[in-house]
């Protein structure tokens, strides 16, 4: 009897409302995953002093750590690299750059125009406007261009500012990160299974 009921529920065709509910559930899971990930990051950042060895809080693959020195792009592609770099920037009180860059990456994925407009306004107020809580270092012309674009935001309205911030991190923060005690301590760890001679 149970097998018959199971077969009936599995073979029953889905209604449009079922697809909508499933899609909304997926969005909630994705949203919650993002929130969970960000809250874990915040826990690591708030409970980890800059001098603390980050390897106690984040697992690092030694091969991956060495790849971080190839480029900022390689560093940001690595989840543990991103966490470590964010913690380093936070220790230097310049984490607004990476936060803006990450926020822009998420913003570009928004498809709903209503959500895009709402998010664009929040990004503008948080990072772009003069005296914003996490104001990024961009020129006046770029700031004014974004101010105009935010009125009818597109997927690319923050691209120029994102390029500027990426350039700042690449020229300034990234080289300092590679010379930092955080990076040196992680990159000098022996590979697993290596034998001391």
C-alpha atoms as a PDB file:
ATOM      1  CA  UNK A   1       0.000   0.000   0.000  1.00  0.00           C
ATOM      2  CA  UNK A   2       2.827   2.418   0.926  1.00  0.00           C
ATOM      3  CA  UNK A   3       4.599   1.602  -2.353  1.00  0.00           C
ATOM      4  CA  UNK A   4       1.403   2.363  -4.306  1.00  0.00           C
ATOM      5  CA  UNK A   5       0.969   5.747  -2.567  1.00  0.00           C
ATOM      6  CA  UNK A   6       4.630   6.583  -3.220  1.00  0.00           C
ATOM      7  CA  UNK A   7       4.304   5.696  -6.899  1.00  0.00           C
ATOM      8  CA  UNK A   8       1.193   7.866  -7.219  1.00  0.00           C
ATOM      9  CA  UNK A   9       2.878  10.897  -5.671  1.00  0.00           C
ATOM     10  CA  UNK A  10       5.995  10.507  -7.797  1.00  0.00           C
ATOM     11  CA  UNK A  11       4.152  10.136 -11.106  1.00  0.00           C
ATOM     12  CA  UNK A  12       1.614  12.916 -10.483  1.00  0.00           C
ATOM     13  CA  UNK A  13       2.337  15.828 -12.876  1.00  0.00           C
ATOM     14  CA  UNK A  14       3.569  19.042 -11.311  1.00  0.00           C
ATOM     15  CA  UNK A  15       1.427  22.146 -11.494  1.00  0.00           C
ATOM     16  CA  UNK A  16       2.790  25.601 -12.308  1.00  0.00           C
ATOM     17  CA  UNK A  17       2.473  26.548  -8.650  1.00  0.00           C
ATOM     18  CA  UNK A  18       4.676  23.562  -7.713  1.00  0.00           C
ATOM     19  CA  UNK A  19       7.455  24.831  -9.998  1.00  0.00           C
ATOM     20  CA  UNK A  20       7.157  28.346  -8.564  1.00  0.00           C
ATOM     21  CA  UNK A  21       7.337  26.974  -5.001  1.00  0.00           C
ATOM     22  CA  UNK A  22      10.380  24.857  -5.886  1.00  0.00           C
ATOM     23  CA  UNK A  23      12.101  27.840  -7.518  1.00  0.00           C
ATOM     24  CA  UNK A  24      11.399  30.022  -4.482  1.00  0.00           C
ATOM     25  CA  UNK A  25      12.718  27.271  -2.205  1.00  0.00           C
ATOM     26  CA  UNK A  26      15.918  27.090  -4.269  1.00  0.00           C
ATOM     27  CA  UNK A  27      16.313  30.872  -4.062  1.00  0.00           C
ATOM     28  CA  UNK A  28      15.826  30.733  -0.288  1.00  0.00           C
ATOM     29  CA  UNK A  29      18.433  27.971  -0.002  1.00  0.00           C
ATOM     30  CA  UNK A  30      20.887  29.960  -2.105  1.00  0.00           C
ATOM     31  CA  UNK A  31      20.151  33.131  -0.165  1.00  0.00           C
ATOM     32  CA  UNK A  32      20.509  31.288   3.140  1.00  0.00           C
ATOM     33  CA  UNK A  33      23.729  29.643   1.968  1.00  0.00           C
ATOM     34  CA  UNK A  34      25.106  33.092   1.144  1.00  0.00           C
ATOM     35  CA  UNK A  35      23.970  34.474   4.492  1.00  0.00           C
ATOM     36  CA  UNK A  36      25.414  31.457   6.322  1.00  0.00           C
ATOM     37  CA  UNK A  37      28.712  31.816   4.474  1.00  0.00           C
ATOM     38  CA  UNK A  38      28.895  35.565   5.190  1.00  0.00           C
ATOM     39  CA  UNK A  39      28.009  35.044   8.866  1.00  0.00           C
ATOM     40  CA  UNK A  40      30.754  32.409   9.130  1.00  0.00           C
ATOM     41  CA  UNK A  41      33.165  34.900   7.539  1.00  0.00           C
ATOM     42  CA  UNK A  42      32.060  37.584   9.988  1.00  0.00           C
ATOM     43  CA  UNK A  43      32.624  35.196  12.894  1.00  0.00           C
ATOM     44  CA  UNK A  44      36.124  34.480  11.650  1.00  0.00           C
ATOM     45  CA  UNK A  45      36.851  38.186  11.144  1.00  0.00           C
ATOM     46  CA  UNK A  46      35.350  39.402  14.410  1.00  0.00           C
ATOM     47  CA  UNK A  47      36.834  36.663  16.596  1.00  0.00           C
ATOM     48  CA  UNK A  48      40.235  36.496  14.907  1.00  0.00           C
ATOM     49  CA  UNK A  49      42.771  39.158  15.808  1.00  0.00           C
ATOM     50  CA  UNK A  50      45.104  40.041  12.944  1.00  0.00           C
ATOM     51  CA  UNK A  51      48.046  38.450  14.726  1.00  0.00           C
ATOM     52  CA  UNK A  52      46.239  35.134  15.165  1.00  0.00           C
ATOM     53  CA  UNK A  53      47.220  32.286  12.861  1.00  0.00           C
ATOM     54  CA  UNK A  54      44.285  32.054  10.443  1.00  0.00           C
ATOM     55  CA  UNK A  55      45.043  28.424   9.683  1.00  0.00           C
ATOM     56  CA  UNK A  56      43.335  27.544  12.967  1.00  0.00           C
ATOM     57  CA  UNK A  57      40.067  28.932  11.579  1.00  0.00           C
ATOM     58  CA  UNK A  58      40.274  28.195   7.849  1.00  0.00           C
ATOM     59  CA  UNK A  59      41.636  25.096   6.125  1.00  0.00           C
ATOM     60  CA  UNK A  60      44.411  25.905   3.684  1.00  0.00           C
ATOM     61  CA  UNK A  61      45.790  23.668   0.964  1.00  0.00           C
ATOM     62  CA  UNK A  62      49.557  24.405   0.739  1.00  0.00           C
ATOM     63  CA  UNK A  63      49.561  24.109  -3.068  1.00  0.00           C
ATOM     64  CA  UNK A  64      46.647  26.531  -3.250  1.00  0.00           C
ATOM     65  CA  UNK A  65      48.399  28.972  -0.891  1.00  0.00           C
ATOM     66  CA  UNK A  66      51.408  29.048  -3.229  1.00  0.00           C
ATOM     67  CA  UNK A  67      49.090  29.770  -6.179  1.00  0.00           C
ATOM     68  CA  UNK A  68      47.836  32.918  -4.422  1.00  0.00           C
ATOM     69  CA  UNK A  69      51.195  34.545  -5.173  1.00  0.00           C
ATOM     70  CA  UNK A  70      50.631  34.208  -8.950  1.00  0.00           C
ATOM     71  CA  UNK A  71      47.977  36.930  -9.157  1.00  0.00           C
ATOM     72  CA  UNK A  72      45.200  38.675  -7.274  1.00  0.00           C
ATOM     73  CA  UNK A  73      42.757  36.853  -9.540  1.00  0.00           C
ATOM     74  CA  UNK A  74      44.074  33.449  -8.366  1.00  0.00           C
ATOM     75  CA  UNK A  75      43.816  34.620  -4.761  1.00  0.00           C
ATOM     76  CA  UNK A  76      40.194  35.726  -5.147  1.00  0.00           C
ATOM     77  CA  UNK A  77      39.232  32.517  -6.991  1.00  0.00           C
ATOM     78  CA  UNK A  78      40.217  30.521  -3.899  1.00  0.00           C
ATOM     79  CA  UNK A  79      37.603  30.474  -1.120  1.00  0.00           C
ATOM     80  CA  UNK A  80      40.213  30.176   1.624  1.00  0.00           C
ATOM     81  CA  UNK A  81      42.339  32.788  -0.167  1.00  0.00           C
ATOM     82  CA  UNK A  82      39.425  35.190  -0.252  1.00  0.00           C
ATOM     83  CA  UNK A  83      38.752  34.662   3.473  1.00  0.00           C
ATOM     84  CA  UNK A  84      42.434  35.149   4.317  1.00  0.00           C
ATOM     85  CA  UNK A  85      42.802  38.256   2.125  1.00  0.00           C
ATOM     86  CA  UNK A  86      39.596  39.725   3.599  1.00  0.00           C
ATOM     87  CA  UNK A  87      40.956  39.160   7.120  1.00  0.00           C
ATOM     88  CA  UNK A  88      44.232  40.813   6.118  1.00  0.00           C
ATOM     89  CA  UNK A  89      42.403  43.852   4.690  1.00  0.00           C
ATOM     90  CA  UNK A  90      40.278  44.046   7.835  1.00  0.00           C
ATOM     91  CA  UNK A  91      43.451  44.108   9.925  1.00  0.00           C
ATOM     92  CA  UNK A  92      44.578  47.104   7.811  1.00  0.00           C
ATOM     93  CA  UNK A  93      41.165  48.794   8.058  1.00  0.00           C
ATOM     94  CA  UNK A  94      40.716  48.653   4.267  1.00  0.00           C
ATOM     95  CA  UNK A  95      38.224  45.817   3.927  1.00  0.00           C
ATOM     96  CA  UNK A  96      35.700  48.120   2.204  1.00  0.00           C
ATOM     97  CA  UNK A  97      37.502  47.431  -1.081  1.00  0.00           C
ATOM     98  CA  UNK A  98      37.045  43.660  -1.052  1.00  0.00           C
ATOM     99  CA  UNK A  99      33.518  44.003   0.328  1.00  0.00           C
ATOM    100  CA  UNK A 100      32.587  46.388  -2.493  1.00  0.00           C
ATOM    101  CA  UNK A 101      34.166  44.074  -5.077  1.00  0.00           C
ATOM    102  CA  UNK A 102      32.265  41.043  -3.719  1.00  0.00           C
ATOM    103  CA  UNK A 103      29.011  43.021  -3.508  1.00  0.00           C
ATOM    104  CA  UNK A 104      29.414  44.029  -7.176  1.00  0.00           C
ATOM    105  CA  UNK A 105      30.001  40.405  -8.161  1.00  0.00           C
ATOM    106  CA  UNK A 106      26.711  39.452  -6.449  1.00  0.00           C
ATOM    107  CA  UNK A 107      24.930  42.485  -7.904  1.00  0.00           C
ATOM    108  CA  UNK A 108      25.771  41.411 -11.473  1.00  0.00           C
ATOM    109  CA  UNK A 109      23.910  38.133 -10.902  1.00  0.00           C
ATOM    110  CA  UNK A 110      20.586  39.878 -10.122  1.00  0.00           C
ATOM    111  CA  UNK A 111      18.068  39.410 -12.930  1.00  0.00           C
ATOM    112  CA  UNK A 112      14.959  41.017 -11.460  1.00  0.00           C
ATOM    113  CA  UNK A 113      14.927  44.742 -12.302  1.00  0.00           C
ATOM    114  CA  UNK A 114      13.079  45.620  -9.059  1.00  0.00           C
ATOM    115  CA  UNK A 115      15.675  43.798  -6.930  1.00  0.00           C
ATOM    116  CA  UNK A 116      18.474  45.342  -8.998  1.00  0.00           C
ATOM    117  CA  UNK A 117      17.135  48.866  -8.364  1.00  0.00           C
ATOM    118  CA  UNK A 118      16.855  48.222  -4.624  1.00  0.00           C
ATOM    119  CA  UNK A 119      20.339  46.664  -4.411  1.00  0.00           C
ATOM    120  CA  UNK A 120      21.912  49.451  -6.532  1.00  0.00           C
ATOM    121  CA  UNK A 121      20.553  52.054  -4.127  1.00  0.00           C
ATOM    122  CA  UNK A 122      21.967  50.152  -1.123  1.00  0.00           C
ATOM    123  CA  UNK A 123      25.380  49.773  -2.778  1.00  0.00           C
ATOM    124  CA  UNK A 124      25.403  53.476  -3.653  1.00  0.00           C
ATOM    125  CA  UNK A 125      24.530  54.484  -0.081  1.00  0.00           C
ATOM    126  CA  UNK A 126      26.947  52.053   1.530  1.00  0.00           C
ATOM    127  CA  UNK A 127      30.028  52.476  -0.691  1.00  0.00           C
ATOM    128  CA  UNK A 128      29.747  55.327  -3.223  1.00  0.00           C
ATOM    129  CA  UNK A 129      28.148  58.450  -1.753  1.00  0.00           C
ATOM    130  CA  UNK A 130      30.539  60.834   0.026  1.00  0.00           C
ATOM    131  CA  UNK A 131      30.837  59.963   3.730  1.00  0.00           C
ATOM    132  CA  UNK A 132      29.294  56.511   3.128  1.00  0.00           C
ATOM    133  CA  UNK A 133      29.845  53.994   5.967  1.00  0.00           C
ATOM    134  CA  UNK A 134      32.262  52.014   3.749  1.00  0.00           C
ATOM    135  CA  UNK A 135      33.212  54.690   1.253  1.00  0.00           C
ATOM    136  CA  UNK A 136      35.588  53.448  -1.428  1.00  0.00           C
ATOM    137  CA  UNK A 137      38.383  55.546  -2.900  1.00  0.00           C
ATOM    138  CA  UNK A 138      37.202  56.547  -6.387  1.00  0.00           C
ATOM    139  CA  UNK A 139      37.471  59.786  -8.345  1.00  0.00           C
ATOM    140  CA  UNK A 140      34.734  62.423  -8.401  1.00  0.00           C
ATOM    141  CA  UNK A 141      33.839  61.797 -12.065  1.00  0.00           C
ATOM    142  CA  UNK A 142      33.225  58.064 -11.470  1.00  0.00           C
ATOM    143  CA  UNK A 143      31.164  58.872  -8.383  1.00  0.00           C
ATOM    144  CA  UNK A 144      28.980  61.295 -10.363  1.00  0.00           C
ATOM    145  CA  UNK A 145      28.569  58.824 -13.256  1.00  0.00           C
ATOM    146  CA  UNK A 146      27.382  56.139 -10.837  1.00  0.00           C
ATOM    147  CA  UNK A 147      25.019  58.615  -9.160  1.00  0.00           C
ATOM    148  CA  UNK A 148      23.322  59.152 -12.544  1.00  0.00           C
ATOM    149  CA  UNK A 149      23.307  55.452 -13.465  1.00  0.00           C
ATOM    150  CA  UNK A 150      21.732  54.395 -10.153  1.00  0.00           C
ATOM    151  CA  UNK A 151      18.547  56.240 -11.153  1.00  0.00           C
ATOM    152  CA  UNK A 152      17.908  53.499 -13.760  1.00  0.00           C
ATOM    153  CA  UNK A 153      20.469  50.857 -12.800  1.00  0.00           C
ATOM    154  CA  UNK A 154      21.836  48.305 -15.228  1.00  0.00           C
ATOM    155  CA  UNK A 155      23.904  45.203 -14.576  1.00  0.00           C
ATOM    156  CA  UNK A 156      27.078  47.182 -15.357  1.00  0.00           C
ATOM    157  CA  UNK A 157      26.475  50.459 -13.508  1.00  0.00           C
ATOM    158  CA  UNK A 158      29.216  49.740 -10.917  1.00  0.00           C
ATOM    159  CA  UNK A 159      31.742  48.207 -13.343  1.00  0.00           C
ATOM    160  CA  UNK A 160      34.014  51.257 -13.585  1.00  0.00           C
ATOM    161  CA  UNK A 161      34.221  51.644  -9.796  1.00  0.00           C
ATOM    162  CA  UNK A 162      34.801  47.911  -9.440  1.00  0.00           C
ATOM    163  CA  UNK A 163      37.733  48.105 -11.891  1.00  0.00           C
ATOM    164  CA  UNK A 164      39.231  51.018  -9.949  1.00  0.00           C
ATOM    165  CA  UNK A 165      38.907  49.160  -6.631  1.00  0.00           C
ATOM    166  CA  UNK A 166      40.357  45.970  -8.139  1.00  0.00           C
ATOM    167  CA  UNK A 167      43.299  48.015  -9.457  1.00  0.00           C
ATOM    168  CA  UNK A 168      43.867  49.562  -6.016  1.00  0.00           C
ATOM    169  CA  UNK A 169      43.887  46.137  -4.377  1.00  0.00           C
ATOM    170  CA  UNK A 170      46.154  44.705  -7.085  1.00  0.00           C
ATOM    171  CA  UNK A 171      48.724  47.531  -6.894  1.00  0.00           C
ATOM    172  CA  UNK A 172      48.591  48.253  -3.171  1.00  0.00           C
ATOM    173  CA  UNK A 173      46.950  45.720  -0.849  1.00  0.00           C
ATOM    174  CA  UNK A 174      47.882  42.524  -2.706  1.00  0.00           C
ATOM    175  CA  UNK A 175      51.684  43.104  -2.679  1.00  0.00           C
ATOM    176  CA  UNK A 176      51.488  43.992   1.033  1.00  0.00           C
ATOM    177  CA  UNK A 177      49.459  40.819   1.637  1.00  0.00           C
ATOM    178  CA  UNK A 178      52.182  38.692  -0.004  1.00  0.00           C
ATOM    179  CA  UNK A 179      54.767  40.283   2.341  1.00  0.00           C
ATOM    180  CA  UNK A 180      52.540  39.939   5.413  1.00  0.00           C
ATOM    181  CA  UNK A 181      53.138  37.584   8.330  1.00  0.00           C
ATOM    182  CA  UNK A 182      49.755  35.978   7.585  1.00  0.00           C
ATOM    183  CA  UNK A 183      50.787  34.924   4.092  1.00  0.00           C
ATOM    184  CA  UNK A 184      54.376  34.028   5.046  1.00  0.00           C
ATOM    185  CA  UNK A 185      53.202  31.749   7.852  1.00  0.00           C
ATOM    186  CA  UNK A 186      50.792  29.949   5.530  1.00  0.00           C
ATOM    187  CA  UNK A 187      53.160  29.628   2.561  1.00  0.00           C
ATOM    188  CA  UNK A 188      56.045  28.314   4.671  1.00  0.00           C
ATOM    189  CA  UNK A 189      54.081  25.385   6.108  1.00  0.00           C
ATOM    190  CA  UNK A 190      55.430  21.989   5.020  1.00  0.00           C
ATOM    191  CA  UNK A 191      53.375  19.971   2.550  1.00  0.00           C
ATOM    192  CA  UNK A 192      51.377  17.110   4.111  1.00  0.00           C
ATOM    193  CA  UNK A 193      53.384  13.883   4.013  1.00  0.00           C
ATOM    194  CA  UNK A 194      56.738  15.623   3.520  1.00  0.00           C
ATOM    195  CA  UNK A 195      59.532  14.098   5.563  1.00  0.00           C
ATOM    196  CA  UNK A 196      61.924  16.264   7.473  1.00  0.00           C
ATOM    197  CA  UNK A 197      65.498  15.249   6.607  1.00  0.00           C
END
